[in-house]
């Protein structure tokens, strides 16, 4: 199994875990299934963390970063249905913020969740990604950044 294939599989699993809001198969189990040695796998994980694609979540688990989300989507390693759901959710968030946000006001997260029709936890995941991309900011209330207002690359 090539290093690229392993990287893509890790991104896929972490992407799905992030947006499905559930645990994921341990990397140790993945290593065993694929017959990988710990050193090679650790090298790949370390490289991915240095590239900013993943970050430590606990001592023995990782989560995907906003840049990892973008990389996973661009390299088409994620389930197409989930990808389309996420792109649609981001477009919906953008459209709501464009309609209702102004430079002096922010939208409370609860109201944004209601208008977007998203569970608050899932909305939070999308907002973390969008904030990492520099498109929104806020804490409890969300505002578009100038970059987010100008960008058409929300999906």
C-alpha atoms as a PDB file:
ATOM      1  CA  UNK A   1       0.000   0.000   0.000  1.00  0.00           C
ATOM      2  CA  UNK A   2       1.502   3.357  -1.018  1.00  0.00           C
ATOM      3  CA  UNK A   3       1.990   6.306   1.312  1.00  0.00           C
ATOM      4  CA  UNK A   4      -0.495   8.324  -0.761  1.00  0.00           C
ATOM      5  CA  UNK A   5      -3.143   5.614  -0.418  1.00  0.00           C
ATOM      6  CA  UNK A   6      -2.643   5.507   3.338  1.00  0.00           C
ATOM      7  CA  UNK A   7      -2.873   9.312   3.548  1.00  0.00           C
ATOM      8  CA  UNK A   8      -6.093   9.290   1.530  1.00  0.00           C
ATOM      9  CA  UNK A   9      -7.612   6.546   3.664  1.00  0.00           C
ATOM     10  CA  UNK A  10      -6.765   8.433   6.860  1.00  0.00           C
ATOM     11  CA  UNK A  11      -8.312  11.630   5.449  1.00  0.00           C
ATOM     12  CA  UNK A  12     -11.416   9.744   4.366  1.00  0.00           C
ATOM     13  CA  UNK A  13     -11.934   8.152   7.781  1.00  0.00           C
ATOM     14  CA  UNK A  14     -11.345  11.401   9.672  1.00  0.00           C
ATOM     15  CA  UNK A  15     -13.580  13.374   7.289  1.00  0.00           C
ATOM     16  CA  UNK A  16     -16.437  10.930   7.774  1.00  0.00           C
ATOM     17  CA  UNK A  17     -15.923  10.871  11.542  1.00  0.00           C
ATOM     18  CA  UNK A  18     -15.922  14.698  11.635  1.00  0.00           C
ATOM     19  CA  UNK A  19     -19.119  15.207   9.685  1.00  0.00           C
ATOM     20  CA  UNK A  20     -20.971  12.133  10.919  1.00  0.00           C
ATOM     21  CA  UNK A  21     -20.021  13.168  14.455  1.00  0.00           C
ATOM     22  CA  UNK A  22     -19.023   9.714  15.500  1.00  0.00           C
ATOM     23  CA  UNK A  23     -15.965   7.813  16.515  1.00  0.00           C
ATOM     24  CA  UNK A  24     -13.761   6.210  13.934  1.00  0.00           C
ATOM     25  CA  UNK A  25     -11.777   3.075  13.532  1.00  0.00           C
ATOM     26  CA  UNK A  26      -8.575   3.311  15.501  1.00  0.00           C
ATOM     27  CA  UNK A  27      -5.409   3.806  13.528  1.00  0.00           C
ATOM     28  CA  UNK A  28      -3.983   0.790  15.301  1.00  0.00           C
ATOM     29  CA  UNK A  29      -6.787  -1.386  13.896  1.00  0.00           C
ATOM     30  CA  UNK A  30      -6.219   0.103  10.438  1.00  0.00           C
ATOM     31  CA  UNK A  31      -2.518  -0.736  10.636  1.00  0.00           C
ATOM     32  CA  UNK A  32      -3.294  -4.316  11.576  1.00  0.00           C
ATOM     33  CA  UNK A  33      -5.871  -4.742   8.792  1.00  0.00           C
ATOM     34  CA  UNK A  34      -3.546  -3.332   6.157  1.00  0.00           C
ATOM     35  CA  UNK A  35      -0.466  -5.101   7.468  1.00  0.00           C
ATOM     36  CA  UNK A  36       1.395  -1.833   7.977  1.00  0.00           C
ATOM     37  CA  UNK A  37       4.323  -1.440  10.294  1.00  0.00           C
ATOM     38  CA  UNK A  38       4.028   1.154  13.047  1.00  0.00           C
ATOM     39  CA  UNK A  39       7.046   3.161  11.927  1.00  0.00           C
ATOM     40  CA  UNK A  40       5.753   3.774   8.388  1.00  0.00           C
ATOM     41  CA  UNK A  41       2.297   4.616   9.645  1.00  0.00           C
ATOM     42  CA  UNK A  42       3.619   6.984  12.325  1.00  0.00           C
ATOM     43  CA  UNK A  43       5.775   8.711   9.698  1.00  0.00           C
ATOM     44  CA  UNK A  44       2.709   9.301   7.522  1.00  0.00           C
ATOM     45  CA  UNK A  45       0.617  10.587  10.450  1.00  0.00           C
ATOM     46  CA  UNK A  46       3.454  12.885  11.538  1.00  0.00           C
ATOM     47  CA  UNK A  47       3.821  14.228   7.985  1.00  0.00           C
ATOM     48  CA  UNK A  48       0.053  14.853   7.749  1.00  0.00           C
ATOM     49  CA  UNK A  49       0.078  16.709  11.075  1.00  0.00           C
ATOM     50  CA  UNK A  50       3.036  18.845   9.940  1.00  0.00           C
ATOM     51  CA  UNK A  51       1.158  19.662   6.727  1.00  0.00           C
ATOM     52  CA  UNK A  52      -1.789  20.835   8.841  1.00  0.00           C
ATOM     53  CA  UNK A  53      -4.205  18.190   7.500  1.00  0.00           C
ATOM     54  CA  UNK A  54      -4.832  16.535  10.862  1.00  0.00           C
ATOM     55  CA  UNK A  55      -4.250  17.430  14.499  1.00  0.00           C
ATOM     56  CA  UNK A  56      -4.056  15.438  17.716  1.00  0.00           C
ATOM     57  CA  UNK A  57      -7.397  15.075  19.457  1.00  0.00           C
ATOM     58  CA  UNK A  58      -6.229  12.956  22.375  1.00  0.00           C
ATOM     59  CA  UNK A  59      -2.977  11.178  23.093  1.00  0.00           C
ATOM     60  CA  UNK A  60      -3.852   8.394  20.673  1.00  0.00           C
ATOM     61  CA  UNK A  61      -6.349   9.884  18.220  1.00  0.00           C
ATOM     62  CA  UNK A  62      -6.493  12.600  15.593  1.00  0.00           C
ATOM     63  CA  UNK A  63      -9.123  14.759  13.920  1.00  0.00           C
ATOM     64  CA  UNK A  64      -9.221  16.410  10.530  1.00  0.00           C
ATOM     65  CA  UNK A  65      -8.459  20.126  10.214  1.00  0.00           C
ATOM     66  CA  UNK A  66     -10.107  22.663   7.891  1.00  0.00           C
ATOM     67  CA  UNK A  67      -7.191  22.196   5.489  1.00  0.00           C
ATOM     68  CA  UNK A  68      -7.624  18.442   5.719  1.00  0.00           C
ATOM     69  CA  UNK A  69     -11.291  18.871   4.793  1.00  0.00           C
ATOM     70  CA  UNK A  70     -10.324  20.873   1.726  1.00  0.00           C
ATOM     71  CA  UNK A  71      -7.621  18.364   0.750  1.00  0.00           C
ATOM     72  CA  UNK A  72      -9.984  15.392   1.197  1.00  0.00           C
ATOM     73  CA  UNK A  73     -12.672  17.055  -0.914  1.00  0.00           C
ATOM     74  CA  UNK A  74     -10.308  18.187  -3.651  1.00  0.00           C
ATOM     75  CA  UNK A  75      -8.694  14.780  -3.936  1.00  0.00           C
ATOM     76  CA  UNK A  76     -12.147  13.174  -4.068  1.00  0.00           C
ATOM     77  CA  UNK A  77     -11.462  10.581  -1.387  1.00  0.00           C
ATOM     78  CA  UNK A  78     -14.793  11.121   0.388  1.00  0.00           C
ATOM     79  CA  UNK A  79     -18.221   9.678  -0.217  1.00  0.00           C
ATOM     80  CA  UNK A  80     -19.938  11.703  -2.968  1.00  0.00           C
ATOM     81  CA  UNK A  81     -23.254  11.922  -1.123  1.00  0.00           C
ATOM     82  CA  UNK A  82     -21.617  13.256   2.048  1.00  0.00           C
ATOM     83  CA  UNK A  83     -19.526  15.655  -0.024  1.00  0.00           C
ATOM     84  CA  UNK A  84     -22.617  17.091  -1.705  1.00  0.00           C
ATOM     85  CA  UNK A  85     -24.426  17.400   1.648  1.00  0.00           C
ATOM     86  CA  UNK A  86     -21.487  19.348   3.065  1.00  0.00           C
ATOM     87  CA  UNK A  87     -21.194  21.635   0.063  1.00  0.00           C
ATOM     88  CA  UNK A  88     -24.918  22.323   0.199  1.00  0.00           C
ATOM     89  CA  UNK A  89     -24.741  23.092   3.923  1.00  0.00           C
ATOM     90  CA  UNK A  90     -21.870  25.545   3.384  1.00  0.00           C
ATOM     91  CA  UNK A  91     -23.723  27.293   0.547  1.00  0.00           C
ATOM     92  CA  UNK A  92     -26.806  27.572   2.762  1.00  0.00           C
ATOM     93  CA  UNK A  93     -24.740  29.050   5.600  1.00  0.00           C
ATOM     94  CA  UNK A  94     -23.135  31.524   3.207  1.00  0.00           C
ATOM     95  CA  UNK A  95     -26.462  32.610   1.724  1.00  0.00           C
ATOM     96  CA  UNK A  96     -28.003  33.156   5.158  1.00  0.00           C
ATOM     97  CA  UNK A  97     -25.008  35.157   6.334  1.00  0.00           C
ATOM     98  CA  UNK A  98     -24.995  37.255   3.156  1.00  0.00           C
ATOM     99  CA  UNK A  99     -28.695  38.052   3.573  1.00  0.00           C
ATOM    100  CA  UNK A 100     -28.756  38.660   7.292  1.00  0.00           C
ATOM    101  CA  UNK A 101     -25.314  39.783   8.303  1.00  0.00           C
ATOM    102  CA  UNK A 102     -23.985  43.304   8.196  1.00  0.00           C
ATOM    103  CA  UNK A 103     -20.700  44.784   9.357  1.00  0.00           C
ATOM    104  CA  UNK A 104     -22.163  45.792  12.719  1.00  0.00           C
ATOM    105  CA  UNK A 105     -24.174  42.673  13.553  1.00  0.00           C
ATOM    106  CA  UNK A 106     -23.628  38.970  13.824  1.00  0.00           C
ATOM    107  CA  UNK A 107     -26.146  36.144  13.720  1.00  0.00           C
ATOM    108  CA  UNK A 108     -26.569  34.058  16.873  1.00  0.00           C
ATOM    109  CA  UNK A 109     -25.529  30.460  16.278  1.00  0.00           C
ATOM    110  CA  UNK A 110     -28.947  29.157  17.361  1.00  0.00           C
ATOM    111  CA  UNK A 111     -30.726  31.317  14.792  1.00  0.00           C
ATOM    112  CA  UNK A 112     -28.280  30.298  12.083  1.00  0.00           C
ATOM    113  CA  UNK A 113     -28.834  26.619  12.951  1.00  0.00           C
ATOM    114  CA  UNK A 114     -32.620  27.068  12.713  1.00  0.00           C
ATOM    115  CA  UNK A 115     -32.474  28.925   9.410  1.00  0.00           C
ATOM    116  CA  UNK A 116     -29.973  26.485   7.914  1.00  0.00           C
ATOM    117  CA  UNK A 117     -31.937  23.474   9.137  1.00  0.00           C
ATOM    118  CA  UNK A 118     -28.798  21.972  10.666  1.00  0.00           C
ATOM    119  CA  UNK A 119     -28.285  20.299  13.995  1.00  0.00           C
ATOM    120  CA  UNK A 120     -26.247  22.666  16.183  1.00  0.00           C
ATOM    121  CA  UNK A 121     -23.361  20.182  16.521  1.00  0.00           C
ATOM    122  CA  UNK A 122     -23.110  19.710  12.757  1.00  0.00           C
ATOM    123  CA  UNK A 123     -23.391  23.462  12.201  1.00  0.00           C
ATOM    124  CA  UNK A 124     -20.537  23.873  14.682  1.00  0.00           C
ATOM    125  CA  UNK A 125     -18.389  21.473  12.662  1.00  0.00           C
ATOM    126  CA  UNK A 126     -19.053  23.437   9.475  1.00  0.00           C
ATOM    127  CA  UNK A 127     -18.377  26.729  11.237  1.00  0.00           C
ATOM    128  CA  UNK A 128     -15.030  25.440  12.517  1.00  0.00           C
ATOM    129  CA  UNK A 129     -14.073  24.564   8.948  1.00  0.00           C
ATOM    130  CA  UNK A 130     -15.281  27.913   7.591  1.00  0.00           C
ATOM    131  CA  UNK A 131     -13.471  29.797  10.345  1.00  0.00           C
ATOM    132  CA  UNK A 132     -10.291  27.862   9.542  1.00  0.00           C
ATOM    133  CA  UNK A 133     -10.680  28.913   5.915  1.00  0.00           C
ATOM    134  CA  UNK A 134     -11.051  32.539   7.061  1.00  0.00           C
ATOM    135  CA  UNK A 135     -14.663  32.886   5.867  1.00  0.00           C
ATOM    136  CA  UNK A 136     -16.437  33.474   9.196  1.00  0.00           C
ATOM    137  CA  UNK A 137     -15.587  34.436  12.746  1.00  0.00           C
ATOM    138  CA  UNK A 138     -17.402  34.659  15.987  1.00  0.00           C
ATOM    139  CA  UNK A 139     -18.136  33.011  19.263  1.00  0.00           C
ATOM    140  CA  UNK A 140     -21.813  32.483  19.939  1.00  0.00           C
ATOM    141  CA  UNK A 141     -22.667  34.823  17.071  1.00  0.00           C
ATOM    142  CA  UNK A 142     -21.297  34.443  13.558  1.00  0.00           C
ATOM    143  CA  UNK A 143     -20.189  37.083  11.081  1.00  0.00           C
ATOM    144  CA  UNK A 144     -18.821  36.847   7.584  1.00  0.00           C
ATOM    145  CA  UNK A 145     -15.276  38.018   7.153  1.00  0.00           C
ATOM    146  CA  UNK A 146     -14.484  40.273   4.185  1.00  0.00           C
ATOM    147  CA  UNK A 147     -12.770  37.260   2.605  1.00  0.00           C
ATOM    148  CA  UNK A 148     -15.868  35.111   3.193  1.00  0.00           C
ATOM    149  CA  UNK A 149     -18.148  37.731   1.674  1.00  0.00           C
ATOM    150  CA  UNK A 150     -15.985  37.981  -1.446  1.00  0.00           C
ATOM    151  CA  UNK A 151     -15.198  34.302  -1.911  1.00  0.00           C
ATOM    152  CA  UNK A 152     -17.307  32.144  -4.177  1.00  0.00           C
ATOM    153  CA  UNK A 153     -15.277  29.069  -3.174  1.00  0.00           C
ATOM    154  CA  UNK A 154     -17.443  27.919  -0.255  1.00  0.00           C
ATOM    155  CA  UNK A 155     -17.852  24.510  -1.736  1.00  0.00           C
END
